[in-house]
């Protein structure tokens, strides 16, 4: 029951962030959105920073679940990773990318936020490096430095989301450029069918 309550609070936090942004996020608005009292929220989370830390932890866990691919072929896993990174899980939540960008802008001042975003970056880089290593080992990708490719991919994803929020640029544009670059580095054909 307690985990359900915390999950409800985190879901309400997500909705308030999407609607009001970081600056407009208050415990009262979360309480109103979740139909709980602020006292009930404070029972689970002492501070707004603690609540946002839990929100970011939840975000990382959900992203990890999206990255989990049943495919064994590294080429399919790379496509699944890019799908997860470039395709919003809820396209109707227009405020979510802005809310995340606002939280990232707080990372230089909030150590907890910085740690969560570093965790997310580590997860993404580890997954990409593992995919690239497996692809090289299986003879599907050209020999290259998996860690450098992982840095390139995560930097491109972060840049794509920043450009989407700040400039309104579609994520597909950066994905296309990234796929072209990966084709040069890995000899990977993103549109080709995988033949066993």
C-alpha atoms as a PDB file:
ATOM      1  CA  UNK A   1       0.000   0.000   0.000  1.00  0.00           C
ATOM      2  CA  UNK A   2       2.812   2.408   0.890  1.00  0.00           C
ATOM      3  CA  UNK A   3       4.560   1.771  -2.445  1.00  0.00           C
ATOM      4  CA  UNK A   4       1.259   2.468  -4.240  1.00  0.00           C
ATOM      5  CA  UNK A   5       0.938   5.749  -2.343  1.00  0.00           C
ATOM      6  CA  UNK A   6       4.491   6.764  -3.263  1.00  0.00           C
ATOM      7  CA  UNK A   7       3.810   5.784  -6.869  1.00  0.00           C
ATOM      8  CA  UNK A   8       0.647   7.934  -6.854  1.00  0.00           C
ATOM      9  CA  UNK A   9       2.637  10.883  -5.494  1.00  0.00           C
ATOM     10  CA  UNK A  10       5.341  10.427  -8.150  1.00  0.00           C
ATOM     11  CA  UNK A  11       2.676  10.211 -10.884  1.00  0.00           C
ATOM     12  CA  UNK A  12       1.068  13.398  -9.560  1.00  0.00           C
ATOM     13  CA  UNK A  13       4.490  15.068  -9.496  1.00  0.00           C
ATOM     14  CA  UNK A  14       4.934  14.143 -13.156  1.00  0.00           C
ATOM     15  CA  UNK A  15       1.576  15.693 -14.069  1.00  0.00           C
ATOM     16  CA  UNK A  16       2.281  18.902 -12.124  1.00  0.00           C
ATOM     17  CA  UNK A  17       5.757  19.203 -13.666  1.00  0.00           C
ATOM     18  CA  UNK A  18       4.289  18.803 -17.150  1.00  0.00           C
ATOM     19  CA  UNK A  19       1.596  21.392 -16.513  1.00  0.00           C
ATOM     20  CA  UNK A  20       3.382  23.961 -14.344  1.00  0.00           C
ATOM     21  CA  UNK A  21       7.110  23.309 -14.814  1.00  0.00           C
ATOM     22  CA  UNK A  22       9.786  23.175 -12.146  1.00  0.00           C
ATOM     23  CA  UNK A  23       9.190  26.733 -10.934  1.00  0.00           C
ATOM     24  CA  UNK A  24       5.471  26.029 -10.482  1.00  0.00           C
ATOM     25  CA  UNK A  25       5.939  22.724  -8.666  1.00  0.00           C
ATOM     26  CA  UNK A  26       4.649  22.950  -5.107  1.00  0.00           C
ATOM     27  CA  UNK A  27       3.638  20.338  -2.564  1.00  0.00           C
ATOM     28  CA  UNK A  28       0.155  21.888  -2.569  1.00  0.00           C
ATOM     29  CA  UNK A  29      -0.227  21.425  -6.331  1.00  0.00           C
ATOM     30  CA  UNK A  30       0.971  17.825  -6.005  1.00  0.00           C
ATOM     31  CA  UNK A  31      -1.512  17.294  -3.186  1.00  0.00           C
ATOM     32  CA  UNK A  32      -4.327  18.754  -5.304  1.00  0.00           C
ATOM     33  CA  UNK A  33      -3.337  16.562  -8.260  1.00  0.00           C
ATOM     34  CA  UNK A  34      -3.121  13.404  -6.155  1.00  0.00           C
ATOM     35  CA  UNK A  35      -6.133  14.074  -3.922  1.00  0.00           C
ATOM     36  CA  UNK A  36      -3.850  13.750  -0.866  1.00  0.00           C
ATOM     37  CA  UNK A  37      -2.981  16.256   1.795  1.00  0.00           C
ATOM     38  CA  UNK A  38       0.393  17.952   1.895  1.00  0.00           C
ATOM     39  CA  UNK A  39       0.886  16.285   5.284  1.00  0.00           C
ATOM     40  CA  UNK A  40       0.431  12.867   3.638  1.00  0.00           C
ATOM     41  CA  UNK A  41       2.986  13.761   0.984  1.00  0.00           C
ATOM     42  CA  UNK A  42       5.432  15.032   3.633  1.00  0.00           C
ATOM     43  CA  UNK A  43       4.993  11.736   5.482  1.00  0.00           C
ATOM     44  CA  UNK A  44       6.622  10.007   2.499  1.00  0.00           C
ATOM     45  CA  UNK A  45       8.943  12.792   1.306  1.00  0.00           C
ATOM     46  CA  UNK A  46      10.361  15.360   3.728  1.00  0.00           C
ATOM     47  CA  UNK A  47      11.290  17.887   1.046  1.00  0.00           C
ATOM     48  CA  UNK A  48      10.517  18.746  -2.539  1.00  0.00           C
ATOM     49  CA  UNK A  49      14.126  17.852  -3.426  1.00  0.00           C
ATOM     50  CA  UNK A  50      13.661  14.383  -1.895  1.00  0.00           C
ATOM     51  CA  UNK A  51      10.441  13.917  -3.864  1.00  0.00           C
ATOM     52  CA  UNK A  52      12.103  15.013  -7.102  1.00  0.00           C
ATOM     53  CA  UNK A  53      14.984  12.637  -6.395  1.00  0.00           C
ATOM     54  CA  UNK A  54      12.462   9.785  -6.115  1.00  0.00           C
ATOM     55  CA  UNK A  55      10.775  11.043  -9.310  1.00  0.00           C
ATOM     56  CA  UNK A  56      14.114  10.914 -11.167  1.00  0.00           C
ATOM     57  CA  UNK A  57      14.878   7.453  -9.765  1.00  0.00           C
ATOM     58  CA  UNK A  58      11.502   6.294 -11.077  1.00  0.00           C
ATOM     59  CA  UNK A  59      12.251   7.887 -14.448  1.00  0.00           C
ATOM     60  CA  UNK A  60      15.568   6.015 -14.662  1.00  0.00           C
ATOM     61  CA  UNK A  61      13.917   2.701 -13.779  1.00  0.00           C
ATOM     62  CA  UNK A  62      11.206   3.215 -16.400  1.00  0.00           C
ATOM     63  CA  UNK A  63      13.816   4.103 -19.016  1.00  0.00           C
ATOM     64  CA  UNK A  64      15.824   0.981 -18.123  1.00  0.00           C
ATOM     65  CA  UNK A  65      12.675  -1.092 -18.643  1.00  0.00           C
ATOM     66  CA  UNK A  66      12.154   0.532 -22.056  1.00  0.00           C
ATOM     67  CA  UNK A  67      15.753  -0.264 -22.988  1.00  0.00           C
ATOM     68  CA  UNK A  68      15.360  -3.927 -22.125  1.00  0.00           C
ATOM     69  CA  UNK A  69      15.158  -5.585 -25.512  1.00  0.00           C
ATOM     70  CA  UNK A  70      14.356  -9.228 -26.060  1.00  0.00           C
ATOM     71  CA  UNK A  71      16.401  -9.138 -29.255  1.00  0.00           C
ATOM     72  CA  UNK A  72      19.741 -10.902 -29.177  1.00  0.00           C
ATOM     73  CA  UNK A  73      21.098  -9.434 -32.398  1.00  0.00           C
ATOM     74  CA  UNK A  74      23.097  -6.255 -31.611  1.00  0.00           C
ATOM     75  CA  UNK A  75      21.695  -4.522 -34.702  1.00  0.00           C
ATOM     76  CA  UNK A  76      18.138  -5.021 -33.457  1.00  0.00           C
ATOM     77  CA  UNK A  77      19.147  -3.974 -29.936  1.00  0.00           C
ATOM     78  CA  UNK A  78      20.668  -0.756 -31.297  1.00  0.00           C
ATOM     79  CA  UNK A  79      17.463   0.027 -33.178  1.00  0.00           C
ATOM     80  CA  UNK A  80      15.390  -0.715 -30.052  1.00  0.00           C
ATOM     81  CA  UNK A  81      17.646   1.567 -27.995  1.00  0.00           C
ATOM     82  CA  UNK A  82      17.262   4.434 -30.478  1.00  0.00           C
ATOM     83  CA  UNK A  83      13.501   3.852 -30.567  1.00  0.00           C
ATOM     84  CA  UNK A  84      13.362   4.159 -26.762  1.00  0.00           C
ATOM     85  CA  UNK A  85      15.542   7.276 -26.722  1.00  0.00           C
ATOM     86  CA  UNK A  86      13.942   9.133 -29.627  1.00  0.00           C
ATOM     87  CA  UNK A  87      10.288   8.104 -29.375  1.00  0.00           C
ATOM     88  CA  UNK A  88       8.336   9.684 -26.527  1.00  0.00           C
ATOM     89  CA  UNK A  89       6.428   7.126 -24.469  1.00  0.00           C
ATOM     90  CA  UNK A  90       3.557   9.570 -24.063  1.00  0.00           C
ATOM     91  CA  UNK A  91       3.433  12.018 -26.976  1.00  0.00           C
ATOM     92  CA  UNK A  92       0.447  13.766 -25.363  1.00  0.00           C
ATOM     93  CA  UNK A  93       2.591  14.855 -22.391  1.00  0.00           C
ATOM     94  CA  UNK A  94       3.939  17.926 -24.175  1.00  0.00           C
ATOM     95  CA  UNK A  95       5.258  19.426 -20.953  1.00  0.00           C
ATOM     96  CA  UNK A  96       7.419  16.454 -19.980  1.00  0.00           C
ATOM     97  CA  UNK A  97      10.507  17.278 -22.109  1.00  0.00           C
ATOM     98  CA  UNK A  98      10.391  20.855 -20.825  1.00  0.00           C
ATOM     99  CA  UNK A  99      10.084  19.653 -17.221  1.00  0.00           C
ATOM    100  CA  UNK A 100      13.095  17.361 -17.637  1.00  0.00           C
ATOM    101  CA  UNK A 101      15.100  20.194 -19.207  1.00  0.00           C
ATOM    102  CA  UNK A 102      14.193  22.406 -16.248  1.00  0.00           C
ATOM    103  CA  UNK A 103      15.364  19.716 -13.826  1.00  0.00           C
ATOM    104  CA  UNK A 104      18.605  19.355 -15.775  1.00  0.00           C
ATOM    105  CA  UNK A 105      19.124  23.104 -15.483  1.00  0.00           C
ATOM    106  CA  UNK A 106      19.002  22.673 -11.698  1.00  0.00           C
ATOM    107  CA  UNK A 107      21.699  19.960 -11.698  1.00  0.00           C
ATOM    108  CA  UNK A 108      24.596  22.412 -11.217  1.00  0.00           C
ATOM    109  CA  UNK A 109      22.910  23.620  -8.010  1.00  0.00           C
ATOM    110  CA  UNK A 110      21.262  20.412  -6.754  1.00  0.00           C
ATOM    111  CA  UNK A 111      23.718  17.582  -6.142  1.00  0.00           C
ATOM    112  CA  UNK A 112      20.876  15.016  -5.959  1.00  0.00           C
ATOM    113  CA  UNK A 113      19.647  15.974  -9.433  1.00  0.00           C
ATOM    114  CA  UNK A 114      23.153  15.871 -10.856  1.00  0.00           C
ATOM    115  CA  UNK A 115      23.660  12.390  -9.425  1.00  0.00           C
ATOM    116  CA  UNK A 116      20.393  11.115 -10.943  1.00  0.00           C
ATOM    117  CA  UNK A 117      21.224  12.535 -14.372  1.00  0.00           C
ATOM    118  CA  UNK A 118      24.718  11.048 -14.144  1.00  0.00           C
ATOM    119  CA  UNK A 119      23.095   7.705 -13.310  1.00  0.00           C
ATOM    120  CA  UNK A 120      20.853   7.997 -16.365  1.00  0.00           C
ATOM    121  CA  UNK A 121      23.832   8.903 -18.543  1.00  0.00           C
ATOM    122  CA  UNK A 122      25.792   5.933 -17.169  1.00  0.00           C
ATOM    123  CA  UNK A 123      22.915   3.554 -17.920  1.00  0.00           C
ATOM    124  CA  UNK A 124      22.626   4.803 -21.492  1.00  0.00           C
ATOM    125  CA  UNK A 125      26.363   4.674 -22.142  1.00  0.00           C
ATOM    126  CA  UNK A 126      26.719   1.187 -20.672  1.00  0.00           C
ATOM    127  CA  UNK A 127      23.880  -0.155 -22.816  1.00  0.00           C
ATOM    128  CA  UNK A 128      25.266   1.359 -26.018  1.00  0.00           C
ATOM    129  CA  UNK A 129      28.842   0.241 -25.290  1.00  0.00           C
ATOM    130  CA  UNK A 130      27.616  -3.305 -24.628  1.00  0.00           C
ATOM    131  CA  UNK A 131      25.601  -3.351 -27.864  1.00  0.00           C
ATOM    132  CA  UNK A 132      28.580  -2.081 -29.871  1.00  0.00           C
ATOM    133  CA  UNK A 133      30.972  -4.567 -28.223  1.00  0.00           C
ATOM    134  CA  UNK A 134      28.587  -7.450 -28.969  1.00  0.00           C
ATOM    135  CA  UNK A 135      28.159  -6.236 -32.545  1.00  0.00           C
ATOM    136  CA  UNK A 136      31.931  -6.132 -33.073  1.00  0.00           C
ATOM    137  CA  UNK A 137      32.368  -9.568 -31.475  1.00  0.00           C
ATOM    138  CA  UNK A 138      29.612 -11.015 -33.701  1.00  0.00           C
ATOM    139  CA  UNK A 139      31.120  -9.466 -36.837  1.00  0.00           C
ATOM    140  CA  UNK A 140      28.151  -7.145 -37.470  1.00  0.00           C
ATOM    141  CA  UNK A 141      29.949  -3.872 -36.684  1.00  0.00           C
ATOM    142  CA  UNK A 142      33.328  -2.513 -37.730  1.00  0.00           C
ATOM    143  CA  UNK A 143      36.089  -2.407 -35.127  1.00  0.00           C
ATOM    144  CA  UNK A 144      35.783   0.821 -33.137  1.00  0.00           C
ATOM    145  CA  UNK A 145      35.927   2.118 -29.565  1.00  0.00           C
ATOM    146  CA  UNK A 146      32.565   1.191 -27.955  1.00  0.00           C
ATOM    147  CA  UNK A 147      32.966   3.836 -25.240  1.00  0.00           C
ATOM    148  CA  UNK A 148      33.486   6.607 -27.788  1.00  0.00           C
ATOM    149  CA  UNK A 149      30.428   5.482 -29.732  1.00  0.00           C
ATOM    150  CA  UNK A 150      28.437   5.401 -26.484  1.00  0.00           C
ATOM    151  CA  UNK A 151      29.512   8.968 -25.675  1.00  0.00           C
ATOM    152  CA  UNK A 152      28.567  10.100 -29.189  1.00  0.00           C
ATOM    153  CA  UNK A 153      25.142   8.463 -28.971  1.00  0.00           C
ATOM    154  CA  UNK A 154      24.258   9.818 -25.521  1.00  0.00           C
ATOM    155  CA  UNK A 155      25.513  13.295 -26.380  1.00  0.00           C
ATOM    156  CA  UNK A 156      23.412  13.256 -29.568  1.00  0.00           C
ATOM    157  CA  UNK A 157      20.333  12.138 -27.629  1.00  0.00           C
ATOM    158  CA  UNK A 158      20.787  14.873 -25.026  1.00  0.00           C
ATOM    159  CA  UNK A 159      21.342  17.438 -27.764  1.00  0.00           C
ATOM    160  CA  UNK A 160      18.287  16.240 -29.681  1.00  0.00           C
ATOM    161  CA  UNK A 161      16.068  16.685 -26.640  1.00  0.00           C
ATOM    162  CA  UNK A 162      17.530  20.135 -25.909  1.00  0.00           C
ATOM    163  CA  UNK A 163      16.932  21.183 -29.532  1.00  0.00           C
ATOM    164  CA  UNK A 164      13.374  19.833 -29.369  1.00  0.00           C
ATOM    165  CA  UNK A 165      12.597  21.850 -26.233  1.00  0.00           C
ATOM    166  CA  UNK A 166      14.466  25.048 -27.103  1.00  0.00           C
ATOM    167  CA  UNK A 167      14.060  25.183 -30.884  1.00  0.00           C
ATOM    168  CA  UNK A 168      11.078  22.957 -31.642  1.00  0.00           C
ATOM    169  CA  UNK A 169      13.228  20.730 -33.844  1.00  0.00           C
ATOM    170  CA  UNK A 170      11.766  17.239 -34.375  1.00  0.00           C
ATOM    171  CA  UNK A 171      13.713  14.425 -32.705  1.00  0.00           C
ATOM    172  CA  UNK A 172      13.718  12.496 -35.987  1.00  0.00           C
ATOM    173  CA  UNK A 173      16.099  15.015 -37.552  1.00  0.00           C
ATOM    174  CA  UNK A 174      18.849  14.318 -35.017  1.00  0.00           C
ATOM    175  CA  UNK A 175      18.113  10.599 -35.079  1.00  0.00           C
ATOM    176  CA  UNK A 176      18.653  10.601 -38.856  1.00  0.00           C
ATOM    177  CA  UNK A 177      22.010  12.396 -38.478  1.00  0.00           C
ATOM    178  CA  UNK A 178      23.044  10.018 -35.688  1.00  0.00           C
ATOM    179  CA  UNK A 179      22.107   6.944 -37.727  1.00  0.00           C
ATOM    180  CA  UNK A 180      24.165   8.258 -40.656  1.00  0.00           C
ATOM    181  CA  UNK A 181      27.125   8.773 -38.330  1.00  0.00           C
ATOM    182  CA  UNK A 182      26.743   5.305 -36.820  1.00  0.00           C
ATOM    183  CA  UNK A 183      26.620   3.865 -40.321  1.00  0.00           C
ATOM    184  CA  UNK A 184      30.035   5.448 -40.977  1.00  0.00           C
ATOM    185  CA  UNK A 185      31.528   4.280 -37.649  1.00  0.00           C
ATOM    186  CA  UNK A 186      29.979   0.821 -37.436  1.00  0.00           C
ATOM    187  CA  UNK A 187      29.041  -0.037 -41.016  1.00  0.00           C
ATOM    188  CA  UNK A 188      25.527  -0.432 -39.603  1.00  0.00           C
ATOM    189  CA  UNK A 189      22.520  -0.151 -41.886  1.00  0.00           C
ATOM    190  CA  UNK A 190      19.633   1.101 -39.713  1.00  0.00           C
ATOM    191  CA  UNK A 191      16.983   0.361 -42.336  1.00  0.00           C
ATOM    192  CA  UNK A 192      18.276  -3.057 -43.382  1.00  0.00           C
ATOM    193  CA  UNK A 193      16.674  -6.318 -42.378  1.00  0.00           C
ATOM    194  CA  UNK A 194      18.583  -8.548 -40.016  1.00  0.00           C
ATOM    195  CA  UNK A 195      19.425 -11.871 -41.606  1.00  0.00           C
ATOM    196  CA  UNK A 196      20.254 -14.647 -39.178  1.00  0.00           C
END
